[in-house]
Amino acid sequence: MSFIAWLIIGGLAGWIAGNIMRGGGFGILGNIGVGVVGAIVGGFLFSLLGLQAGGFIGSLVTSIVGAVVLLWVVAKVKQG
């Protein structure tokens, strides 16, 4: 069950981050990929800041923050 929740959170986070950063999602697999990597990035950033988020909503927020940061970094790397 946790694997399915992980995919759902990843898909939602990737879709939301895609809409925030570029105005659209990346397709189902792209959204999941961005969301899962974003969850790792967000977890790392939250731990650096001493923050902790639990439950479904907390995991989703962490993933969205990480995915937005990930997409921002990718956009900056592509520019220069």
C-alpha atoms as a PDB file:
ATOM      1  CA  MET A   1       0.000   0.000   0.000  1.00  0.00           C
ATOM      2  CA  SER A   2       2.812   2.473   0.738  1.00  0.00           C
ATOM      3  CA  PHE A   3       4.242   1.995  -2.788  1.00  0.00           C
ATOM      4  CA  ILE A   4       0.909   2.990  -4.325  1.00  0.00           C
ATOM      5  CA  ALA A   5       0.673   6.012  -2.023  1.00  0.00           C
ATOM      6  CA  TRP A   6       4.233   6.943  -3.018  1.00  0.00           C
ATOM      7  CA  LEU A   7       3.255   6.860  -6.706  1.00  0.00           C
ATOM      8  CA  ILE A   8       0.107   8.895  -6.065  1.00  0.00           C
ATOM      9  CA  ILE A   9       2.009  11.518  -4.070  1.00  0.00           C
ATOM     10  CA  GLY A  10       4.737  11.601  -6.730  1.00  0.00           C
ATOM     11  CA  GLY A  11       2.215  12.032  -9.532  1.00  0.00           C
ATOM     12  CA  LEU A  12       0.339  14.793  -7.745  1.00  0.00           C
ATOM     13  CA  ALA A  13       3.511  16.597  -6.699  1.00  0.00           C
ATOM     14  CA  GLY A  14       4.976  16.428 -10.207  1.00  0.00           C
ATOM     15  CA  TRP A  15       1.748  17.675 -11.775  1.00  0.00           C
ATOM     16  CA  ILE A  16       1.386  20.554  -9.305  1.00  0.00           C
ATOM     17  CA  ALA A  17       5.057  21.527  -9.617  1.00  0.00           C
ATOM     18  CA  GLY A  18       4.799  21.389 -13.415  1.00  0.00           C
ATOM     19  CA  ASN A  19       1.817  23.711 -13.315  1.00  0.00           C
ATOM     20  CA  ILE A  20       3.598  26.099 -10.963  1.00  0.00           C
ATOM     21  CA  MET A  21       6.865  26.214 -12.895  1.00  0.00           C
ATOM     22  CA  ARG A  22       5.897  25.936 -16.544  1.00  0.00           C
ATOM     23  CA  GLY A  23       2.136  25.961 -16.823  1.00  0.00           C
ATOM     24  CA  GLY A  24       1.546  22.255 -17.436  1.00  0.00           C
ATOM     25  CA  GLY A  25       2.355  18.734 -16.362  1.00  0.00           C
ATOM     26  CA  PHE A  26       4.776  16.256 -17.900  1.00  0.00           C
ATOM     27  CA  GLY A  27       2.480  13.301 -18.557  1.00  0.00           C
ATOM     28  CA  ILE A  28       1.759  10.586 -16.003  1.00  0.00           C
ATOM     29  CA  LEU A  29       5.219   9.009 -15.933  1.00  0.00           C
ATOM     30  CA  GLY A  30       6.994  12.358 -16.068  1.00  0.00           C
ATOM     31  CA  ASN A  31       4.879  13.684 -13.205  1.00  0.00           C
ATOM     32  CA  ILE A  32       5.630  10.630 -11.090  1.00  0.00           C
ATOM     33  CA  GLY A  33       9.351  10.887 -11.853  1.00  0.00           C
ATOM     34  CA  VAL A  34       9.524  14.594 -11.040  1.00  0.00           C
ATOM     35  CA  GLY A  35       7.455  14.055  -7.893  1.00  0.00           C
ATOM     36  CA  VAL A  36       9.532  11.143  -6.605  1.00  0.00           C
ATOM     37  CA  VAL A  37      12.831  12.942  -7.204  1.00  0.00           C
ATOM     38  CA  GLY A  38      11.208  16.059  -5.735  1.00  0.00           C
ATOM     39  CA  ALA A  39      10.320  14.085  -2.608  1.00  0.00           C
ATOM     40  CA  ILE A  40      13.977  13.174  -2.164  1.00  0.00           C
ATOM     41  CA  VAL A  41      15.100  16.766  -2.764  1.00  0.00           C
ATOM     42  CA  GLY A  42      12.356  18.153  -0.514  1.00  0.00           C
ATOM     43  CA  GLY A  43      13.174  15.716   2.269  1.00  0.00           C
ATOM     44  CA  PHE A  44      16.831  16.721   2.089  1.00  0.00           C
ATOM     45  CA  LEU A  45      15.997  20.443   2.109  1.00  0.00           C
ATOM     46  CA  PHE A  46      13.506  20.086   4.959  1.00  0.00           C
ATOM     47  CA  SER A  47      16.061  18.173   7.037  1.00  0.00           C
ATOM     48  CA  LEU A  48      18.654  20.909   6.434  1.00  0.00           C
ATOM     49  CA  LEU A  49      16.164  23.470   7.706  1.00  0.00           C
ATOM     50  CA  GLY A  50      15.154  21.312  10.662  1.00  0.00           C
ATOM     51  CA  LEU A  51      11.588  20.938   9.393  1.00  0.00           C
ATOM     52  CA  GLN A  52       9.503  17.805   9.492  1.00  0.00           C
ATOM     53  CA  ALA A  53       6.221  17.034   7.755  1.00  0.00           C
ATOM     54  CA  GLY A  54       4.211  13.886   8.399  1.00  0.00           C
ATOM     55  CA  GLY A  55       1.178  12.221   6.917  1.00  0.00           C
ATOM     56  CA  PHE A  56      -0.178  12.394   3.394  1.00  0.00           C
ATOM     57  CA  ILE A  57      -0.470  16.187   3.235  1.00  0.00           C
ATOM     58  CA  GLY A  58       2.969  16.723   4.760  1.00  0.00           C
ATOM     59  CA  SER A  59       4.535  14.299   2.295  1.00  0.00           C
ATOM     60  CA  LEU A  60       2.728  16.001  -0.567  1.00  0.00           C
ATOM     61  CA  VAL A  61       3.922  19.464   0.516  1.00  0.00           C
ATOM     62  CA  THR A  62       7.490  18.206   0.920  1.00  0.00           C
ATOM     63  CA  SER A  63       7.364  16.608  -2.529  1.00  0.00           C
ATOM     64  CA  ILE A  64       5.916  19.722  -4.160  1.00  0.00           C
ATOM     65  CA  VAL A  65       8.580  21.973  -2.622  1.00  0.00           C
ATOM     66  CA  GLY A  66      11.318  19.598  -3.727  1.00  0.00           C
ATOM     67  CA  ALA A  67       9.876  19.221  -7.229  1.00  0.00           C
ATOM     68  CA  VAL A  68       9.602  22.998  -7.670  1.00  0.00           C
ATOM     69  CA  VAL A  69      13.221  23.415  -6.551  1.00  0.00           C
ATOM     70  CA  LEU A  70      14.262  20.590  -8.892  1.00  0.00           C
ATOM     71  CA  LEU A  71      12.486  22.167 -11.887  1.00  0.00           C
ATOM     72  CA  TRP A  72      13.948  25.582 -11.047  1.00  0.00           C
ATOM     73  CA  VAL A  73      17.478  24.156 -10.947  1.00  0.00           C
ATOM     74  CA  VAL A  74      16.939  22.285 -14.226  1.00  0.00           C
ATOM     75  CA  ALA A  75      15.647  25.486 -15.862  1.00  0.00           C
ATOM     76  CA  LYS A  76      18.707  27.431 -14.644  1.00  0.00           C
ATOM     77  CA  VAL A  77      21.090  24.740 -15.916  1.00  0.00           C
ATOM     78  CA  LYS A  78      19.383  24.729 -19.318  1.00  0.00           C
ATOM     79  CA  GLN A  79      19.707  28.528 -19.579  1.00  0.00           C
ATOM     80  CA  GLY A  80      23.407  28.684 -19.047  1.00  0.00           C
END
